[in-house]
Amino acid sequence: MQDIAEVEPTVADIDGVVRDLEKSWPAVITVRRQSTEDVGYREIFVSLDGESLGILRHGDVITRQTTPGAHRLQAHNTLFWKTLEVTLAAGEHASFIAVNRAGWGTYSVLAFFIGFLGAGPIYLTFEREGAGTHGS
């Protein structure tokens, strides 16, 4: 009879299996529009990797599962666009805040007249909250 040698997986094989498993564990993104500094009008449109996540009105929250890895999170209020490059770990829950805020010229006489045309300079703040919580 012939001896059958046991096949041992290589480190690369094990690393590949772990990477495949991590891809099956979702990451979570939450974008909220609940700041007291928000002016309360004009919607904020949010997308992840070019795909719409939804439209935030004041007080709204959007939460979605996604795959771990690098992503492009975008928000705009039709006047200002912000893009965040984020890398999410398996099981990570990352939170972001979007704020439509008043700024220079928002309440000027010129803005008052422009406002009748449906456009006022409402500035957009879009940033990550904290460092994200891995595993929650």
N, C-alpha and C. Protein backbone atom coordinates (compact mmCIF):
# COMPACT_ATOMS: atom_id res chain seq x y z
N MET A 1 0.81 -1.18 0.00
CA MET A 1 0.00 0.00 0.00
C MET A 1 0.86 1.25 0.00
N GLN A 2 0.35 2.22 -0.67
CA GLN A 2 1.06 3.48 -0.74
C GLN A 2 0.66 4.38 0.42
N ASP A 3 1.64 5.10 0.95
CA ASP A 3 1.34 6.10 1.98
C ASP A 3 0.81 7.35 1.30
N ILE A 4 -0.28 7.82 1.84
CA ILE A 4 -0.85 9.07 1.33
C ILE A 4 -0.40 10.19 2.25
N ALA A 5 0.29 11.17 1.65
CA ALA A 5 0.79 12.30 2.44
C ALA A 5 -0.37 13.25 2.75
N GLU A 6 -0.36 13.73 3.97
CA GLU A 6 -1.37 14.70 4.33
C GLU A 6 -1.03 16.04 3.70
N VAL A 7 -2.03 16.67 3.17
CA VAL A 7 -1.83 17.96 2.53
C VAL A 7 -2.11 19.05 3.56
N GLU A 8 -1.13 19.90 3.78
CA GLU A 8 -1.27 21.01 4.71
C GLU A 8 -1.54 22.28 3.90
N PRO A 9 -2.54 23.07 4.31
CA PRO A 9 -2.78 24.32 3.60
C PRO A 9 -1.64 25.31 3.87
N THR A 10 -1.37 26.12 2.88
CA THR A 10 -0.33 27.13 3.03
C THR A 10 -0.91 28.35 3.76
N VAL A 11 -0.04 29.21 4.19
CA VAL A 11 -0.47 30.47 4.82
C VAL A 11 -1.32 31.27 3.84
N ALA A 12 -0.93 31.27 2.57
CA ALA A 12 -1.70 32.00 1.55
C ALA A 12 -3.10 31.41 1.40
N ASP A 13 -3.21 30.08 1.47
CA ASP A 13 -4.53 29.45 1.39
C ASP A 13 -5.42 29.88 2.56
N ILE A 14 -4.86 29.86 3.75
CA ILE A 14 -5.63 30.25 4.94
C ILE A 14 -6.01 31.72 4.87
N ASP A 15 -5.06 32.57 4.46
CA ASP A 15 -5.37 34.00 4.31
C ASP A 15 -6.49 34.23 3.31
N GLY A 16 -6.50 33.47 2.23
CA GLY A 16 -7.56 33.60 1.23
C GLY A 16 -8.92 33.22 1.79
N VAL A 17 -8.97 32.15 2.58
CA VAL A 17 -10.22 31.73 3.20
C VAL A 17 -10.72 32.80 4.17
N VAL A 18 -9.81 33.36 4.97
CA VAL A 18 -10.18 34.40 5.93
C VAL A 18 -10.71 35.63 5.18
N ARG A 19 -10.05 36.04 4.10
CA ARG A 19 -10.52 37.20 3.32
C ARG A 19 -11.92 36.95 2.76
N ASP A 20 -12.16 35.74 2.26
CA ASP A 20 -13.49 35.41 1.74
C ASP A 20 -14.54 35.45 2.84
N LEU A 21 -14.21 34.95 4.02
CA LEU A 21 -15.14 35.00 5.14
C LEU A 21 -15.43 36.42 5.56
N GLU A 22 -14.38 37.26 5.63
CA GLU A 22 -14.58 38.66 6.03
C GLU A 22 -15.50 39.39 5.06
N LYS A 23 -15.41 39.08 3.77
CA LYS A 23 -16.28 39.72 2.79
C LYS A 23 -17.74 39.36 3.02
N SER A 24 -18.00 38.21 3.63
CA SER A 24 -19.38 37.81 3.89
C SER A 24 -19.94 38.46 5.16
N TRP A 25 -19.06 39.03 5.99
CA TRP A 25 -19.52 39.75 7.18
C TRP A 25 -19.78 41.19 6.78
N PRO A 26 -20.98 41.67 6.93
CA PRO A 26 -21.28 43.02 6.45
C PRO A 26 -20.68 44.10 7.35
N ALA A 27 -20.49 45.24 6.74
CA ALA A 27 -20.20 46.47 7.46
C ALA A 27 -21.49 47.29 7.39
N VAL A 28 -21.64 48.27 8.25
CA VAL A 28 -22.85 49.08 8.28
C VAL A 28 -22.47 50.56 8.23
N ILE A 29 -23.23 51.31 7.44
CA ILE A 29 -23.05 52.76 7.34
C ILE A 29 -24.35 53.43 7.78
N THR A 30 -24.23 54.42 8.65
CA THR A 30 -25.36 55.24 9.06
C THR A 30 -25.04 56.70 8.74
N VAL A 31 -25.96 57.37 8.07
CA VAL A 31 -25.84 58.81 7.80
C VAL A 31 -27.05 59.47 8.43
N ARG A 32 -26.80 60.45 9.27
CA ARG A 32 -27.91 61.11 9.95
C ARG A 32 -27.88 62.61 9.70
N ARG A 33 -29.06 63.19 9.76
CA ARG A 33 -29.22 64.63 9.61
C ARG A 33 -30.04 65.12 10.80
N GLN A 34 -29.39 65.21 11.94
CA GLN A 34 -30.08 65.54 13.18
C GLN A 34 -29.37 66.61 14.00
N SER A 35 -28.53 67.39 13.36
CA SER A 35 -27.80 68.44 14.07
C SER A 35 -28.73 69.61 14.40
N THR A 36 -28.51 70.20 15.56
CA THR A 36 -29.27 71.39 15.94
C THR A 36 -28.82 72.60 15.12
N GLU A 37 -27.68 72.50 14.45
CA GLU A 37 -27.18 73.58 13.60
C GLU A 37 -27.76 73.54 12.19
N ASP A 38 -28.51 72.49 11.87
CA ASP A 38 -29.11 72.36 10.54
C ASP A 38 -30.21 73.39 10.36
N VAL A 39 -30.25 74.03 9.18
CA VAL A 39 -31.27 75.05 8.93
C VAL A 39 -32.66 74.46 8.74
N GLY A 40 -32.74 73.15 8.48
CA GLY A 40 -34.04 72.49 8.44
C GLY A 40 -34.72 72.46 7.08
N TYR A 41 -34.10 72.96 6.06
CA TYR A 41 -34.70 72.88 4.73
C TYR A 41 -33.65 72.52 3.70
N ARG A 42 -34.09 72.20 2.52
CA ARG A 42 -33.32 71.69 1.38
C ARG A 42 -32.84 70.27 1.69
N GLU A 43 -33.19 69.33 0.85
CA GLU A 43 -32.84 67.93 1.04
C GLU A 43 -31.35 67.70 0.82
N ILE A 44 -30.85 66.61 1.41
CA ILE A 44 -29.48 66.15 1.18
C ILE A 44 -29.58 64.77 0.55
N PHE A 45 -28.97 64.62 -0.61
CA PHE A 45 -28.98 63.37 -1.36
C PHE A 45 -27.70 62.59 -1.03
N VAL A 46 -27.85 61.32 -0.66
CA VAL A 46 -26.72 60.52 -0.22
C VAL A 46 -26.58 59.30 -1.13
N SER A 47 -25.31 59.01 -1.54
CA SER A 47 -25.05 57.83 -2.35
C SER A 47 -23.79 57.13 -1.87
N LEU A 48 -23.73 55.84 -2.13
CA LEU A 48 -22.58 55.01 -1.78
C LEU A 48 -22.10 54.32 -3.05
N ASP A 49 -20.88 54.59 -3.43
CA ASP A 49 -20.29 54.00 -4.64
C ASP A 49 -21.16 54.26 -5.87
N GLY A 50 -21.74 55.45 -5.94
CA GLY A 50 -22.54 55.83 -7.09
C GLY A 50 -23.98 55.35 -7.06
N GLU A 51 -24.37 54.63 -6.03
CA GLU A 51 -25.74 54.12 -5.91
C GLU A 51 -26.47 54.88 -4.80
N SER A 52 -27.65 55.37 -5.10
CA SER A 52 -28.40 56.19 -4.15
C SER A 52 -28.74 55.41 -2.88
N LEU A 53 -28.47 56.04 -1.73
CA LEU A 53 -28.91 55.48 -0.45
C LEU A 53 -30.22 56.10 -0.01
N GLY A 54 -30.47 57.33 -0.46
CA GLY A 54 -31.71 57.98 -0.10
C GLY A 54 -31.57 59.48 -0.01
N ILE A 55 -32.66 60.11 0.40
CA ILE A 55 -32.73 61.56 0.55
C ILE A 55 -33.00 61.86 2.01
N LEU A 56 -32.14 62.69 2.60
CA LEU A 56 -32.30 63.07 4.00
C LEU A 56 -33.01 64.41 4.12
N ARG A 57 -34.08 64.41 4.88
CA ARG A 57 -34.72 65.64 5.30
C ARG A 57 -34.32 65.84 6.76
N HIS A 58 -34.52 67.03 7.29
CA HIS A 58 -34.08 67.29 8.66
C HIS A 58 -34.69 66.26 9.61
N GLY A 59 -33.86 65.65 10.45
CA GLY A 59 -34.30 64.65 11.41
C GLY A 59 -34.17 63.22 10.93
N ASP A 60 -33.91 63.01 9.64
CA ASP A 60 -33.85 61.66 9.06
C ASP A 60 -32.53 60.95 9.35
N VAL A 61 -32.58 59.61 9.25
CA VAL A 61 -31.41 58.75 9.39
C VAL A 61 -31.51 57.66 8.31
N ILE A 62 -30.38 57.36 7.68
CA ILE A 62 -30.30 56.26 6.72
C ILE A 62 -29.25 55.28 7.24
N THR A 63 -29.61 54.00 7.31
CA THR A 63 -28.66 52.96 7.71
C THR A 63 -28.72 51.85 6.67
N ARG A 64 -27.53 51.43 6.19
CA ARG A 64 -27.45 50.38 5.18
C ARG A 64 -26.28 49.45 5.47
N GLN A 65 -26.45 48.18 5.15
CA GLN A 65 -25.35 47.23 5.19
C GLN A 65 -24.59 47.32 3.87
N THR A 66 -23.28 47.09 3.94
CA THR A 66 -22.46 47.06 2.75
C THR A 66 -21.33 46.07 2.97
N THR A 67 -20.52 45.88 1.97
CA THR A 67 -19.39 44.98 2.09
C THR A 67 -18.22 45.70 2.74
N PRO A 68 -17.38 44.98 3.44
CA PRO A 68 -16.16 45.60 3.97
C PRO A 68 -15.27 46.05 2.81
N GLY A 69 -14.41 47.01 3.08
CA GLY A 69 -13.48 47.48 2.06
C GLY A 69 -13.62 48.96 1.81
N ALA A 70 -13.02 49.41 0.71
CA ALA A 70 -13.00 50.82 0.36
C ALA A 70 -14.31 51.22 -0.33
N HIS A 71 -14.82 52.38 0.06
CA HIS A 71 -16.07 52.90 -0.50
C HIS A 71 -15.97 54.41 -0.69
N ARG A 72 -16.82 54.92 -1.58
CA ARG A 72 -16.95 56.36 -1.80
C ARG A 72 -18.36 56.77 -1.38
N LEU A 73 -18.45 57.58 -0.32
CA LEU A 73 -19.72 58.05 0.20
C LEU A 73 -19.87 59.52 -0.20
N GLN A 74 -20.98 59.84 -0.86
CA GLN A 74 -21.19 61.20 -1.35
C GLN A 74 -22.50 61.77 -0.82
N ALA A 75 -22.48 63.09 -0.63
CA ALA A 75 -23.69 63.81 -0.24
C ALA A 75 -23.71 65.14 -0.98
N HIS A 76 -24.90 65.58 -1.35
CA HIS A 76 -25.04 66.90 -1.96
C HIS A 76 -26.41 67.47 -1.66
N ASN A 77 -26.46 68.81 -1.66
CA ASN A 77 -27.74 69.48 -1.46
C ASN A 77 -28.12 70.28 -2.71
N THR A 78 -27.65 69.87 -3.84
CA THR A 78 -27.78 70.47 -5.18
C THR A 78 -26.92 71.70 -5.37
N LEU A 79 -26.41 72.29 -4.30
CA LEU A 79 -25.49 73.42 -4.42
C LEU A 79 -24.05 73.00 -4.11
N PHE A 80 -23.90 72.19 -3.08
CA PHE A 80 -22.57 71.77 -2.65
C PHE A 80 -22.49 70.25 -2.60
N TRP A 81 -21.37 69.71 -3.05
CA TRP A 81 -21.11 68.27 -3.09
C TRP A 81 -19.94 67.95 -2.18
N LYS A 82 -20.07 66.88 -1.41
CA LYS A 82 -18.97 66.41 -0.55
C LYS A 82 -18.78 64.92 -0.79
N THR A 83 -17.53 64.49 -0.86
CA THR A 83 -17.20 63.08 -1.06
C THR A 83 -16.26 62.64 0.04
N LEU A 84 -16.55 61.50 0.64
CA LEU A 84 -15.71 60.91 1.67
C LEU A 84 -15.25 59.54 1.19
N GLU A 85 -13.95 59.31 1.22
CA GLU A 85 -13.40 57.99 0.92
C GLU A 85 -13.28 57.27 2.26
N VAL A 86 -13.94 56.12 2.39
CA VAL A 86 -13.93 55.39 3.66
C VAL A 86 -13.55 53.94 3.41
N THR A 87 -12.85 53.37 4.37
CA THR A 87 -12.52 51.95 4.33
C THR A 87 -13.14 51.33 5.58
N LEU A 88 -13.98 50.33 5.35
CA LEU A 88 -14.72 49.70 6.44
C LEU A 88 -14.21 48.29 6.68
N ALA A 89 -14.05 47.94 7.94
CA ALA A 89 -13.66 46.58 8.32
C ALA A 89 -14.91 45.71 8.43
N ALA A 90 -14.72 44.42 8.37
CA ALA A 90 -15.84 43.49 8.55
C ALA A 90 -16.46 43.73 9.92
N GLY A 91 -17.77 43.89 9.97
CA GLY A 91 -18.48 44.11 11.23
C GLY A 91 -18.45 45.54 11.74
N GLU A 92 -17.79 46.44 11.03
CA GLU A 92 -17.69 47.83 11.48
C GLU A 92 -19.01 48.58 11.22
N HIS A 93 -19.36 49.48 12.14
CA HIS A 93 -20.51 50.36 11.97
C HIS A 93 -19.99 51.79 11.98
N ALA A 94 -19.97 52.42 10.81
CA ALA A 94 -19.46 53.79 10.67
C ALA A 94 -20.64 54.76 10.61
N SER A 95 -20.53 55.86 11.35
CA SER A 95 -21.59 56.87 11.39
C SER A 95 -21.09 58.18 10.82
N PHE A 96 -21.98 58.84 10.07
CA PHE A 96 -21.67 60.10 9.43
C PHE A 96 -22.79 61.09 9.72
N ILE A 97 -22.44 62.37 9.71
CA ILE A 97 -23.45 63.41 9.93
C ILE A 97 -23.43 64.36 8.73
N ALA A 98 -24.63 64.71 8.27
CA ALA A 98 -24.80 65.66 7.18
C ALA A 98 -25.60 66.84 7.72
N VAL A 99 -25.13 68.05 7.43
CA VAL A 99 -25.76 69.25 7.96
C VAL A 99 -25.88 70.30 6.86
N ASN A 100 -27.08 70.78 6.62
CA ASN A 100 -27.29 71.97 5.79
C ASN A 100 -27.22 73.14 6.74
N ARG A 101 -26.25 74.02 6.54
CA ARG A 101 -26.04 75.10 7.50
C ARG A 101 -25.99 76.46 6.81
N ALA A 102 -26.34 77.44 7.59
CA ALA A 102 -26.24 78.81 7.11
C ALA A 102 -24.78 79.23 7.13
N GLY A 103 -24.44 80.12 6.24
CA GLY A 103 -23.07 80.63 6.17
C GLY A 103 -23.07 82.03 5.61
N TRP A 104 -21.92 82.44 5.12
CA TRP A 104 -21.78 83.79 4.58
C TRP A 104 -22.80 84.01 3.47
N GLY A 105 -23.59 85.02 3.59
CA GLY A 105 -24.55 85.40 2.56
C GLY A 105 -25.89 84.70 2.61
N THR A 106 -26.06 83.75 3.52
CA THR A 106 -27.31 83.01 3.57
C THR A 106 -28.50 83.91 3.83
N TYR A 107 -28.34 84.85 4.74
CA TYR A 107 -29.46 85.71 5.11
C TYR A 107 -29.23 87.17 4.70
N SER A 108 -28.45 87.39 3.64
CA SER A 108 -28.21 88.75 3.15
C SER A 108 -29.41 89.22 2.32
N VAL A 109 -29.39 90.49 1.97
CA VAL A 109 -30.46 91.04 1.13
C VAL A 109 -30.47 90.35 -0.23
N LEU A 110 -29.28 90.11 -0.78
CA LEU A 110 -29.20 89.41 -2.08
C LEU A 110 -29.80 88.01 -1.97
N ALA A 111 -29.48 87.29 -0.90
CA ALA A 111 -30.04 85.95 -0.71
C ALA A 111 -31.55 85.99 -0.58
N PHE A 112 -32.06 87.06 0.03
CA PHE A 112 -33.51 87.21 0.16
C PHE A 112 -34.16 87.25 -1.23
N PHE A 113 -33.57 88.02 -2.15
CA PHE A 113 -34.12 88.12 -3.50
C PHE A 113 -33.89 86.84 -4.29
N ILE A 114 -32.71 86.22 -4.14
CA ILE A 114 -32.42 84.96 -4.83
C ILE A 114 -33.34 83.87 -4.31
N GLY A 115 -33.67 83.92 -3.02
CA GLY A 115 -34.53 82.91 -2.42
C GLY A 115 -35.88 82.80 -3.10
N PHE A 116 -36.36 83.89 -3.64
CA PHE A 116 -37.63 83.84 -4.38
C PHE A 116 -37.49 83.00 -5.64
N LEU A 117 -36.26 82.81 -6.11
CA LEU A 117 -36.02 81.98 -7.30
C LEU A 117 -35.75 80.52 -6.93
N GLY A 118 -35.77 80.22 -5.66
CA GLY A 118 -35.59 78.84 -5.22
C GLY A 118 -34.15 78.47 -4.92
N ALA A 119 -33.24 79.43 -4.85
CA ALA A 119 -31.85 79.11 -4.57
C ALA A 119 -31.32 80.04 -3.50
N GLY A 120 -30.80 79.48 -2.45
CA GLY A 120 -30.14 80.26 -1.41
C GLY A 120 -28.86 79.55 -1.06
N PRO A 121 -27.83 80.27 -0.67
CA PRO A 121 -26.55 79.63 -0.36
C PRO A 121 -26.61 78.88 0.98
N ILE A 122 -27.04 77.65 0.93
CA ILE A 122 -27.07 76.77 2.10
C ILE A 122 -25.86 75.85 1.97
N TYR A 123 -24.97 75.92 2.94
CA TYR A 123 -23.71 75.18 2.89
C TYR A 123 -23.88 73.78 3.46
N LEU A 124 -23.08 72.83 2.98
CA LEU A 124 -23.17 71.44 3.39
C LEU A 124 -21.94 71.03 4.18
N THR A 125 -22.18 70.48 5.35
CA THR A 125 -21.11 69.85 6.13
C THR A 125 -21.41 68.35 6.12
N PHE A 126 -20.39 67.55 5.81
CA PHE A 126 -20.56 66.10 5.74
C PHE A 126 -19.28 65.47 6.25
N GLU A 127 -19.38 64.77 7.40
CA GLU A 127 -18.18 64.21 8.00
C GLU A 127 -18.49 62.96 8.82
N ARG A 128 -17.44 62.22 9.09
CA ARG A 128 -17.56 61.01 9.89
C ARG A 128 -17.63 61.38 11.37
N GLU A 129 -18.48 60.68 12.09
CA GLU A 129 -18.60 60.90 13.54
C GLU A 129 -17.69 59.91 14.25
N GLY A 130 -16.84 60.43 15.13
CA GLY A 130 -15.93 59.56 15.88
C GLY A 130 -15.03 58.77 14.95
N ALA A 131 -14.53 57.67 15.42
CA ALA A 131 -13.63 56.83 14.62
C ALA A 131 -14.34 55.58 14.14
N GLY A 132 -15.65 55.47 14.36
CA GLY A 132 -16.37 54.25 13.99
C GLY A 132 -16.17 53.22 15.09
N THR A 133 -17.12 52.34 15.24
CA THR A 133 -17.04 51.31 16.28
C THR A 133 -16.94 49.97 15.62
N HIS A 134 -15.78 49.35 15.75
CA HIS A 134 -15.57 48.04 15.15
C HIS A 134 -16.33 46.98 15.92
N GLY A 135 -17.08 46.20 15.19
CA GLY A 135 -17.77 45.08 15.81
C GLY A 135 -19.10 45.41 16.44
N SER A 136 -19.63 46.62 16.26
CA SER A 136 -20.94 46.91 16.86
C SER A 136 -21.99 47.08 15.80
